[in-house]
C-alpha atoms as a PDB file:
ATOM      1  CA  MET A   1      62.702  35.772 -25.119  1.00  0.00           C
ATOM      2  CA  LYS A   2      59.927  38.292 -25.074  1.00  0.00           C
ATOM      3  CA  LEU A   3      57.987  36.341 -27.794  1.00  0.00           C
ATOM      4  CA  LYS A   4      58.366  33.121 -25.617  1.00  0.00           C
ATOM      5  CA  THR A   5      57.094  34.895 -22.418  1.00  0.00           C
ATOM      6  CA  PHE A   6      54.232  36.510 -24.401  1.00  0.00           C
ATOM      7  CA  ILE A   7      53.151  32.996 -25.482  1.00  0.00           C
ATOM      8  CA  LEU A   8      53.416  31.715 -21.980  1.00  0.00           C
ATOM      9  CA  LEU A   9      51.111  34.544 -20.997  1.00  0.00           C
ATOM     10  CA  LEU A  10      48.439  34.012 -23.466  1.00  0.00           C
ATOM     11  CA  VAL A  11      48.484  30.204 -22.697  1.00  0.00           C
ATOM     12  CA  ILE A  12      47.855  31.023 -19.055  1.00  0.00           C
ATOM     13  CA  VAL A  13      45.201  33.515 -19.717  1.00  0.00           C
ATOM     14  CA  ILE A  14      43.237  31.171 -22.154  1.00  0.00           C
ATOM     15  CA  ALA A  15      43.575  28.250 -19.456  1.00  0.00           C
ATOM     16  CA  ALA A  16      42.208  30.687 -16.710  1.00  0.00           C
ATOM     17  CA  THR A  17      39.293  31.855 -18.912  1.00  0.00           C
ATOM     18  CA  ALA A  18      38.241  28.264 -19.660  1.00  0.00           C
ATOM     19  CA  ILE A  19      38.361  27.250 -15.852  1.00  0.00           C
ATOM     20  CA  ALA A  20      36.441  30.336 -15.045  1.00  0.00           C
ATOM     21  CA  ASN A  21      33.686  29.317 -17.505  1.00  0.00           C
ATOM     22  CA  VAL A  22      33.434  25.840 -16.310  1.00  0.00           C
ATOM     23  CA  ILE A  23      32.852  27.220 -12.655  1.00  0.00           C
ATOM     24  CA  ILE A  24      30.282  29.824 -14.043  1.00  0.00           C
ATOM     25  CA  LYS A  25      28.358  27.077 -15.882  1.00  0.00           C
ATOM     26  CA  ARG A  26      28.234  24.587 -12.859  1.00  0.00           C
ATOM     27  CA  PRO A  27      24.781  24.101 -11.491  1.00  0.00           C
ATOM     28  CA  VAL A  28      24.055  26.452  -8.439  1.00  0.00           C
ATOM     29  CA  CYS A  29      21.777  24.210  -6.767  1.00  0.00           C
ATOM     30  CA  ILE A  30      23.736  21.175  -5.448  1.00  0.00           C
ATOM     31  CA  PHE A  31      21.398  18.379  -4.722  1.00  0.00           C
ATOM     32  CA  GLY A  32      23.620  15.885  -2.789  1.00  0.00           C
ATOM     33  CA  PRO A  33      25.561  12.570  -3.550  1.00  0.00           C
ATOM     34  CA  GLU A  34      25.681  11.826  -7.361  1.00  0.00           C
ATOM     35  CA  GLU A  35      24.534   8.354  -7.031  1.00  0.00           C
ATOM     36  CA  GLU A  36      21.311   9.733  -5.555  1.00  0.00           C
ATOM     37  CA  THR A  37      20.603  12.233  -8.256  1.00  0.00           C
ATOM     38  CA  GLU A  38      22.246  10.738 -11.208  1.00  0.00           C
ATOM     39  CA  ASN A  39      18.897  10.253 -13.019  1.00  0.00           C
ATOM     40  CA  ILE A  40      17.702  14.049 -12.446  1.00  0.00           C
ATOM     41  CA  PRO A  41      18.186  16.204 -15.737  1.00  0.00           C
ATOM     42  CA  ASP A  42      20.160  19.293 -14.894  1.00  0.00           C
ATOM     43  CA  LYS A  43      17.711  21.942 -15.243  1.00  0.00           C
ATOM     44  CA  SER A  44      19.630  24.521 -13.123  1.00  0.00           C
ATOM     45  CA  ASP A  45      19.463  27.152 -15.840  1.00  0.00           C
ATOM     46  CA  LEU A  46      15.789  26.982 -15.765  1.00  0.00           C
ATOM     47  CA  ILE A  47      14.746  26.124 -12.161  1.00  0.00           C
ATOM     48  CA  ARG A  48      16.389  25.599  -8.993  1.00  0.00           C
ATOM     49  CA  LEU A  49      14.954  23.888  -5.978  1.00  0.00           C
ATOM     50  CA  ASP A  50      16.213  24.690  -2.437  1.00  0.00           C
ATOM     51  CA  MET A  51      13.767  22.819  -0.553  1.00  0.00           C
ATOM     52  CA  PRO A  52      13.031  19.769  -0.515  1.00  0.00           C
ATOM     53  CA  GLN A  53      16.149  18.335  -1.663  1.00  0.00           C
ATOM     54  CA  PRO A  54      16.068  15.097  -3.647  1.00  0.00           C
ATOM     55  CA  ASN A  55      15.561  11.947  -1.816  1.00  0.00           C
ATOM     56  CA  GLU A  56      14.532  13.932   1.492  1.00  0.00           C
ATOM     57  CA  THR A  57      12.237  12.542   3.656  1.00  0.00           C
ATOM     58  CA  ILE A  58       8.845  14.860   3.705  1.00  0.00           C
ATOM     59  CA  SER A  59       5.527  15.169   5.534  1.00  0.00           C
ATOM     60  CA  SER A  60       2.410  17.306   5.351  1.00  0.00           C
ATOM     61  CA  PRO A  61       2.520  20.234   5.321  1.00  0.00           C
ATOM     62  CA  LEU A  62       5.365  20.300   2.821  1.00  0.00           C
ATOM     63  CA  THR A  63       7.077  23.859   2.008  1.00  0.00           C
ATOM     64  CA  ILE A  64       8.498  23.942  -1.389  1.00  0.00           C
ATOM     65  CA  LYS A  65      11.094  26.845  -2.151  1.00  0.00           C
ATOM     66  CA  GLY A  66      13.323  27.561  -5.053  1.00  0.00           C
ATOM     67  CA  GLU A  67      13.661  29.999  -8.107  1.00  0.00           C
ATOM     68  CA  ALA A  68      12.900  29.665 -11.558  1.00  0.00           C
ATOM     69  CA  ARG A  69      12.984  31.837 -14.732  1.00  0.00           C
ATOM     70  CA  GLY A  70      10.238  34.087 -15.627  1.00  0.00           C
ATOM     71  CA  TYR A  71       9.098  32.220 -18.385  1.00  0.00           C
ATOM     72  CA  TRP A  72       8.605  29.132 -16.232  1.00  0.00           C
ATOM     73  CA  PHE A  73       5.702  30.974 -14.795  1.00  0.00           C
ATOM     74  CA  PHE A  74       2.398  31.982 -16.323  1.00  0.00           C
ATOM     75  CA  GLU A  75       0.330  34.820 -14.414  1.00  0.00           C
ATOM     76  CA  ALA A  76       2.940  34.501 -11.781  1.00  0.00           C
ATOM     77  CA  ASP A  77       2.372  30.969 -11.021  1.00  0.00           C
ATOM     78  CA  PHE A  78       2.897  27.178 -12.130  1.00  0.00           C
ATOM     79  CA  PRO A  79       1.666  23.980 -10.848  1.00  0.00           C
ATOM     80  CA  VAL A  80       3.279  21.470  -8.728  1.00  0.00           C
ATOM     81  CA  LYS A  81       2.218  17.845  -8.189  1.00  0.00           C
ATOM     82  CA  LEU A  82       3.067  15.275  -5.641  1.00  0.00           C
ATOM     83  CA  LEU A  83       2.824  11.613  -6.941  1.00  0.00           C
ATOM     84  CA  ASP A  84       3.117   8.457  -4.978  1.00  0.00           C
ATOM     85  CA  GLU A  85       5.348   5.288  -5.670  1.00  0.00           C
ATOM     86  CA  LYS A  86       2.940   4.130  -8.475  1.00  0.00           C
ATOM     87  CA  GLY A  87       2.813   7.589 -10.082  1.00  0.00           C
ATOM     88  CA  ASP A  88      -0.646   8.398  -8.777  1.00  0.00           C
ATOM     89  CA  LEU A  89      -1.487  11.937  -7.979  1.00  0.00           C
ATOM     90  CA  ILE A  90      -1.595  12.706  -4.243  1.00  0.00           C
ATOM     91  CA  VAL A  91      -1.907  16.496  -4.448  1.00  0.00           C
ATOM     92  CA  LEU A  92      -1.822  19.498  -6.764  1.00  0.00           C
ATOM     93  CA  ALA A  93      -0.772  22.735  -5.641  1.00  0.00           C
ATOM     94  CA  ILE A  94       0.232  26.116  -7.162  1.00  0.00           C
ATOM     95  CA  ALA A  95       3.537  27.712  -6.703  1.00  0.00           C
ATOM     96  CA  GLN A  96       3.433  31.446  -6.535  1.00  0.00           C
ATOM     97  CA  ALA A  97       6.427  33.921  -7.599  1.00  0.00           C
ATOM     98  CA  LYS A  98       7.562  36.085  -4.702  1.00  0.00           C
ATOM     99  CA  SER A  99       8.428  38.836  -7.025  1.00  0.00           C
ATOM    100  CA  ASP A 100       7.826  40.432 -10.576  1.00  0.00           C
ATOM    101  CA  TRP A 101       7.683  37.366 -12.777  1.00  0.00           C
ATOM    102  CA  MET A 102       7.840  39.298 -16.314  1.00  0.00           C
ATOM    103  CA  THR A 103      11.491  38.824 -16.774  1.00  0.00           C
ATOM    104  CA  GLU A 104      13.869  36.146 -18.046  1.00  0.00           C
ATOM    105  CA  ASN A 105      15.942  36.391 -14.853  1.00  0.00           C
ATOM    106  CA  PHE A 106      15.368  34.114 -11.850  1.00  0.00           C
ATOM    107  CA  VAL A 107      12.151  34.654  -9.670  1.00  0.00           C
ATOM    108  CA  PRO A 108      11.868  33.013  -6.244  1.00  0.00           C
ATOM    109  CA  PHE A 109       8.714  30.927  -5.755  1.00  0.00           C
ATOM    110  CA  GLU A 110       7.133  28.979  -2.884  1.00  0.00           C
ATOM    111  CA  ALA A 111       4.367  26.503  -2.294  1.00  0.00           C
ATOM    112  CA  THR A 112       2.683  24.559   0.429  1.00  0.00           C
ATOM    113  CA  LEU A 113       1.387  21.051  -0.086  1.00  0.00           C
ATOM    114  CA  GLU A 114      -0.977  19.721   2.306  1.00  0.00           C
ATOM    115  CA  PHE A 115      -1.541  15.793   1.822  1.00  0.00           C
ATOM    116  CA  GLN A 116      -2.582  12.682   3.405  1.00  0.00           C
ATOM    117  CA  ASN A 117       0.957  10.834   4.005  1.00  0.00           C
ATOM    118  CA  PRO A 118       1.166   7.427   2.292  1.00  0.00           C
ATOM    119  CA  GLY A 119       2.865   6.274   5.491  1.00  0.00           C
ATOM    120  CA  GLY A 120       6.299   5.548   3.996  1.00  0.00           C
ATOM    121  CA  GLY A 121       7.745   4.644   0.534  1.00  0.00           C
ATOM    122  CA  LYS A 122       8.925   6.721  -2.345  1.00  0.00           C
ATOM    123  CA  GLY A 123       7.395   9.506  -4.344  1.00  0.00           C
ATOM    124  CA  THR A 124       7.942  12.147  -6.893  1.00  0.00           C
ATOM    125  CA  LEU A 125       7.679  15.925  -6.679  1.00  0.00           C
ATOM    126  CA  VAL A 126       7.046  17.408 -10.317  1.00  0.00           C
ATOM    127  CA  LEU A 127       7.231  21.225 -10.875  1.00  0.00           C
ATOM    128  CA  GLU A 128       5.650  21.778 -14.137  1.00  0.00           C
ATOM    129  CA  LYS A 129       6.339  24.720 -16.485  1.00  0.00           C
ATOM    130  CA  ASP A 130       3.293  26.635 -16.787  1.00  0.00           C
ATOM    131  CA  ASP A 131       2.320  26.153 -20.583  1.00  0.00           C
ATOM    132  CA  PRO A 132      -1.082  28.148 -21.563  1.00  0.00           C
ATOM    133  CA  SER A 133      -0.378  27.371 -25.316  1.00  0.00           C
ATOM    134  CA  GLY A 134      -0.882  23.423 -24.443  1.00  0.00           C
ATOM    135  CA  LEU A 135       1.799  22.620 -27.096  1.00  0.00           C
ATOM    136  CA  PRO A 136       3.934  19.913 -26.289  1.00  0.00           C
ATOM    137  CA  GLU A 137       6.960  21.443 -27.346  1.00  0.00           C
ATOM    138  CA  ASN A 138       6.690  24.343 -24.830  1.00  0.00           C
ATOM    139  CA  ALA A 139       6.210  21.992 -21.923  1.00  0.00           C
ATOM    140  CA  ASP A 140       8.710  21.305 -19.337  1.00  0.00           C
ATOM    141  CA  GLU A 141       9.176  19.684 -15.929  1.00  0.00           C
ATOM    142  CA  LEU A 142      11.540  19.125 -13.034  1.00  0.00           C
ATOM    143  CA  ARG A 143      10.938  15.793 -11.325  1.00  0.00           C
ATOM    144  CA  ILE A 144      12.389  15.332  -7.951  1.00  0.00           C
ATOM    145  CA  PRO A 145      12.456  11.996  -5.904  1.00  0.00           C
ATOM    146  CA  VAL A 146      11.314  12.220  -2.317  1.00  0.00           C
ATOM    147  CA  ASN A 147      10.700   9.753   0.499  1.00  0.00           C
ATOM    148  CA  PHE A 148       7.485   9.871   2.586  1.00  0.00           C
ATOM    149  CA  GLN A 149       7.904   9.919   6.352  1.00  0.00           C
ATOM    150  CA  ALA A 150       6.599   6.825   8.116  1.00  0.00           C
ATOM    151  CA  ALA A 151       3.472   7.976   9.673  1.00  0.00           C
ATOM    152  CA  THR A 152       2.010   6.913  13.215  1.00  0.00           C
ATOM    153  CA  ARG A 153      -1.530   7.202  14.641  1.00  0.00           C
ATOM    154  CA  THR A 154      -2.948   6.824  18.204  1.00  0.00           C
ATOM    155  CA  ILE A 155      -5.221   4.105  18.953  1.00  0.00           C
ATOM    156  CA  LYS A 156      -6.994   3.016  22.068  1.00  0.00           C
ATOM    157  CA  LEU A 157      -6.885  -0.552  23.321  1.00  0.00           C
ATOM    158  CA  TYR A 158      -9.549  -1.438  26.072  1.00  0.00           C
ATOM    159  CA  TYR A 159      -8.445  -3.390  29.083  1.00  0.00           C
ATOM    160  CA  TYR A 160     -10.193  -4.237  32.495  1.00  0.00           C
ATOM    161  CA  ASN A 161     -10.138  -2.820  35.962  1.00  0.00           C
ATOM    162  CA  GLN A 162     -12.268  -4.685  38.343  1.00  0.00           C
ATOM    163  CA  GLU A 163     -12.114  -2.033  40.901  1.00  0.00           C
ATOM    164  CA  LEU A 164     -14.207   0.166  38.450  1.00  0.00           C
ATOM    165  CA  ASP A 165     -16.765  -2.586  37.828  1.00  0.00           C
ATOM    166  CA  LYS A 166     -18.509  -3.309  41.446  1.00  0.00           C
ATOM    167  CA  ASP A 167     -21.954  -2.823  42.702  1.00  0.00           C
ATOM    168  CA  GLU A 168     -22.965  -1.069  46.013  1.00  0.00           C
ATOM    169  CA  SER A 169     -22.407  -4.558  47.644  1.00  0.00           C
ATOM    170  CA  GLY A 170     -18.592  -4.606  46.272  1.00  0.00           C
ATOM    171  CA  ASN A 171     -19.606  -7.427  43.877  1.00  0.00           C
ATOM    172  CA  ILE A 172     -17.853  -7.443  40.585  1.00  0.00           C
ATOM    173  CA  SER A 173     -20.622  -6.882  37.837  1.00  0.00           C
ATOM    174  CA  CYS A 174     -18.658  -8.004  34.899  1.00  0.00           C
ATOM    175  CA  SER A 175     -20.126  -4.984  32.812  1.00  0.00           C
ATOM    176  CA  ARG A 176     -18.335  -2.461  30.526  1.00  0.00           C
ATOM    177  CA  ALA A 177     -18.092  -0.178  33.313  1.00  0.00           C
ATOM    178  CA  GLY A 178     -14.622  -1.938  34.050  1.00  0.00           C
ATOM    179  CA  LEU A 179     -13.221  -1.137  30.551  1.00  0.00           C
ATOM    180  CA  VAL A 180     -10.227   1.054  30.581  1.00  0.00           C
ATOM    181  CA  PRO A 181      -8.871   2.656  27.401  1.00  0.00           C
ATOM    182  CA  LEU A 182      -5.027   2.718  27.112  1.00  0.00           C
ATOM    183  CA  GLU A 183      -3.393   4.702  24.331  1.00  0.00           C
ATOM    184  CA  ARG A 184      -0.942   3.180  22.026  1.00  0.00           C
ATOM    185  CA  GLU A 185       1.103   4.812  19.145  1.00  0.00           C
ATOM    186  CA  ILE A 186       1.283   2.467  15.843  1.00  0.00           C
ATOM    187  CA  ALA A 187       2.467   2.590  12.676  1.00  0.00           C
ATOM    188  CA  TRP A 188       0.266   4.096   9.912  1.00  0.00           C
ATOM    189  CA  SER A 189      -1.612   1.448   7.685  1.00  0.00           C
ATOM    190  CA  LYS A 190      -4.614   1.072   5.879  1.00  0.00           C
ATOM    191  CA  THR A 191      -5.860  -1.606   8.219  1.00  0.00           C
ATOM    192  CA  PRO A 192      -6.032   0.234  11.685  1.00  0.00           C
ATOM    193  CA  ILE A 193      -8.920  -1.973  12.956  1.00  0.00           C
ATOM    194  CA  GLN A 194      -7.241  -5.249  12.479  1.00  0.00           C
ATOM    195  CA  ASP A 195      -4.102  -3.635  13.760  1.00  0.00           C
ATOM    196  CA  ALA A 196      -5.771  -2.529  17.015  1.00  0.00           C
ATOM    197  CA  ILE A 197      -7.178  -5.904  17.468  1.00  0.00           C
ATOM    198  CA  ASN A 198      -3.962  -7.793  16.992  1.00  0.00           C
ATOM    199  CA  ILE A 199      -2.212  -5.597  19.377  1.00  0.00           C
ATOM    200  CA  LEU A 200      -5.140  -6.077  21.955  1.00  0.00           C
ATOM    201  CA  LEU A 201      -4.628  -9.827  21.570  1.00  0.00           C
ATOM    202  CA  LYS A 202      -1.141  -9.813  22.452  1.00  0.00           C
ATOM    203  CA  GLY A 203      -2.114  -8.552  25.903  1.00  0.00           C
ATOM    204  CA  GLU A 204       0.958  -6.158  26.423  1.00  0.00           C
ATOM    205  CA  LEU A 205       0.605  -4.104  29.671  1.00  0.00           C
ATOM    206  CA  THR A 206       3.348  -1.980  31.197  1.00  0.00           C
ATOM    207  CA  GLU A 207       4.229  -2.482  34.884  1.00  0.00           C
ATOM    208  CA  ALA A 208       2.615   0.764  35.884  1.00  0.00           C
ATOM    209  CA  GLU A 209      -0.471  -0.165  33.961  1.00  0.00           C
ATOM    210  CA  ARG A 210      -0.662  -3.309  35.925  1.00  0.00           C
ATOM    211  CA  ALA A 211       0.051  -1.934  39.106  1.00  0.00           C
ATOM    212  CA  GLY A 212      -2.846   0.586  38.707  1.00  0.00           C
ATOM    213  CA  GLY A 213      -5.223  -2.389  38.642  1.00  0.00           C
ATOM    214  CA  ILE A 214      -5.622  -3.148  34.767  1.00  0.00           C
ATOM    215  CA  THR A 215      -5.702  -6.635  33.853  1.00  0.00           C
ATOM    216  CA  THR A 216      -6.238  -8.756  30.686  1.00  0.00           C
ATOM    217  CA  GLU A 217      -6.533 -12.381  29.858  1.00  0.00           C
ATOM    218  CA  TYR A 218      -5.143 -12.015  26.526  1.00  0.00           C
ATOM    219  CA  PRO A 219      -3.085 -13.504  25.022  1.00  0.00           C
ATOM    220  CA  LEU A 220      -5.019 -16.779  24.863  1.00  0.00           C
ATOM    221  CA  GLU A 221      -3.198 -19.480  23.204  1.00  0.00           C
ATOM    222  CA  GLY A 222      -3.783 -20.229  19.732  1.00  0.00           C
ATOM    223  CA  VAL A 223      -6.381 -17.275  19.369  1.00  0.00           C
ATOM    224  CA  SER A 224      -5.798 -15.197  16.505  1.00  0.00           C
ATOM    225  CA  LEU A 225      -7.429 -12.789  13.890  1.00  0.00           C
ATOM    226  CA  LYS A 226      -8.242 -14.585  10.669  1.00  0.00           C
ATOM    227  CA  GLY A 227     -10.187 -11.867   8.779  1.00  0.00           C
ATOM    228  CA  ALA A 228     -12.248  -8.788   8.821  1.00  0.00           C
ATOM    229  CA  SER A 229     -14.949  -7.263   6.873  1.00  0.00           C
ATOM    230  CA  LEU A 230     -16.957  -4.197   7.404  1.00  0.00           C
ATOM    231  CA  ASN A 231     -20.479  -3.681   5.445  1.00  0.00           C
ATOM    232  CA  GLU A 232     -22.795  -0.927   6.306  1.00  0.00           C
ATOM    233  CA  GLY A 233     -21.542  -0.352   9.849  1.00  0.00           C
ATOM    234  CA  VAL A 234     -21.357  -4.075  10.856  1.00  0.00           C
ATOM    235  CA  LEU A 235     -17.670  -5.331  11.299  1.00  0.00           C
ATOM    236  CA  THR A 236     -17.483  -9.097  11.065  1.00  0.00           C
ATOM    237  CA  LEU A 237     -14.446 -10.627  12.608  1.00  0.00           C
ATOM    238  CA  GLU A 238     -13.313 -14.200  11.782  1.00  0.00           C
ATOM    239  CA  PHE A 239     -10.954 -15.519  14.598  1.00  0.00           C
ATOM    240  CA  ASN A 240      -8.985 -19.044  14.924  1.00  0.00           C
ATOM    241  CA  ASP A 241      -9.361 -20.592  18.372  1.00  0.00           C
ATOM    242  CA  PRO A 242      -8.226 -24.162  17.932  1.00  0.00           C
ATOM    243  CA  ASN A 243      -7.810 -24.733  21.706  1.00  0.00           C
ATOM    244  CA  ASN A 244     -11.481 -22.968  22.651  1.00  0.00           C
ATOM    245  CA  ARG A 245      -9.770 -20.611  24.797  1.00  0.00           C
ATOM    246  CA  THR A 246     -12.462 -18.045  24.225  1.00  0.00           C
ATOM    247  CA  GLY A 247     -15.251 -20.124  26.044  1.00  0.00           C
ATOM    248  CA  GLY A 248     -15.691 -20.257  29.719  1.00  0.00           C
ATOM    249  CA  GLY A 249     -17.810 -18.415  32.477  1.00  0.00           C
ATOM    250  CA  SER A 250     -20.155 -15.710  31.350  1.00  0.00           C
ATOM    251  CA  CYS A 251     -18.324 -13.140  33.312  1.00  0.00           C
ATOM    252  CA  ARG A 252     -14.927 -14.018  31.730  1.00  0.00           C
ATOM    253  CA  VAL A 253     -16.391 -14.352  28.159  1.00  0.00           C
ATOM    254  CA  GLY A 254     -18.317 -11.224  28.520  1.00  0.00           C
ATOM    255  CA  ILE A 255     -15.192  -9.217  29.376  1.00  0.00           C
ATOM    256  CA  LEU A 256     -13.219 -10.741  26.514  1.00  0.00           C
ATOM    257  CA  TRP A 257     -16.134  -9.743  24.137  1.00  0.00           C
ATOM    258  CA  PHE A 258     -16.218  -6.317  25.729  1.00  0.00           C
ATOM    259  CA  GLN A 259     -12.628  -5.623  25.047  1.00  0.00           C
ATOM    260  CA  ILE A 260     -12.601  -6.370  21.728  1.00  0.00           C
ATOM    261  CA  GLU A 261     -15.975  -4.587  20.909  1.00  0.00           C
ATOM    262  CA  ALA A 262     -14.877  -1.358  22.642  1.00  0.00           C
ATOM    263  CA  THR A 263     -11.658  -1.498  20.777  1.00  0.00           C
ATOM    264  CA  THR A 264     -13.286  -1.626  17.398  1.00  0.00           C
ATOM    265  CA  LYS A 265     -16.014   1.001  18.019  1.00  0.00           C
ATOM    266  CA  GLN A 266     -13.441   3.661  18.511  1.00  0.00           C
ATOM    267  CA  PHE A 267     -13.560   3.821  14.782  1.00  0.00           C
ATOM    268  CA  PRO A 268     -16.704   5.628  13.964  1.00  0.00           C
ATOM    269  CA  GLU A 269     -17.646   3.691  10.916  1.00  0.00           C
ATOM    270  CA  ILE A 270     -18.286   0.841  13.338  1.00  0.00           C
ATOM    271  CA  GLU A 271     -21.765   0.362  14.721  1.00  0.00           C
ATOM    272  CA  GLN A 272     -21.997  -3.502  15.476  1.00  0.00           C
ATOM    273  CA  VAL A 273     -19.438  -6.274  15.824  1.00  0.00           C
ATOM    274  CA  LYS A 274     -20.218  -9.870  15.049  1.00  0.00           C
ATOM    275  CA  PHE A 275     -17.920 -12.923  15.417  1.00  0.00           C
ATOM    276  CA  ILE A 276     -16.986 -15.867  13.277  1.00  0.00           C
ATOM    277  CA  PRO A 277     -17.570 -18.771  14.460  1.00  0.00           C
ATOM    278  CA  GLU A 278     -20.614 -17.856  16.246  1.00  0.00           C
ATOM    279  CA  GLU A 279     -19.589 -19.953  19.091  1.00  0.00           C
ATOM    280  CA  LEU A 280     -16.783 -17.597  20.025  1.00  0.00           C
ATOM    281  CA  PHE A 281     -16.985 -15.874  23.436  1.00  0.00           C
ATOM    282  CA  GLN A 282     -19.970 -18.075  24.517  1.00  0.00           C
ATOM    283  CA  PRO A 283     -20.500 -19.172  28.164  1.00  0.00           C
END
């Protein structure tokens, strides 16, 4: 009976030891749902990232914190790269050890990345082991997928208020003096000039703006931006106008012209604006 009891106790001790070993060896840094990180190699015994987490949405400046074995560093630092969706380098930074790195134990590290936001999409954060030997067998890295925050920018759209454009006799001058800049927040893109023009052409004003005397003749039926090119400060805009809605009296077409011209010239690279076809905005 005593032998059976001893064997039972021995089995329990062995089972408990095995369970404890599994728990101890389990990665300390929990990255999130398994389906989001299944392609990330487990390197938690070498380097652990506290922030950002995999698939987190990031923006600039980005703070990186974690801990790595002392031999991941060289001279108390290691390189950190941020890549875009195509794998091209966006920024390179250096992570610094926050305590003595001359150890095989974990050492906390921190880095700050400042970069131009791609305006959305996916990217990769690469934490590279510093390898002064340059030998491939000594190289290592931790790659973490991230998402870029959809960025926005503030632009100005120029509309018209005739009350600001009168001479001493109260006559409307039909000049640039009546232009009024209104700010709009738009999604970041690589074509902000075209974006600004396209929004201007929609002629969208709030009730408060209209109540303040601001007006526009846009939208004009059939008028749309077909193309844009910039060469040595000269912006050439090509429009579709199948119904000849950009013609008319000199006062009207002048203001239509001024609105587009002022909206584009908010961008410092633009010095002059030309239109195609040439008969656009002609009296």
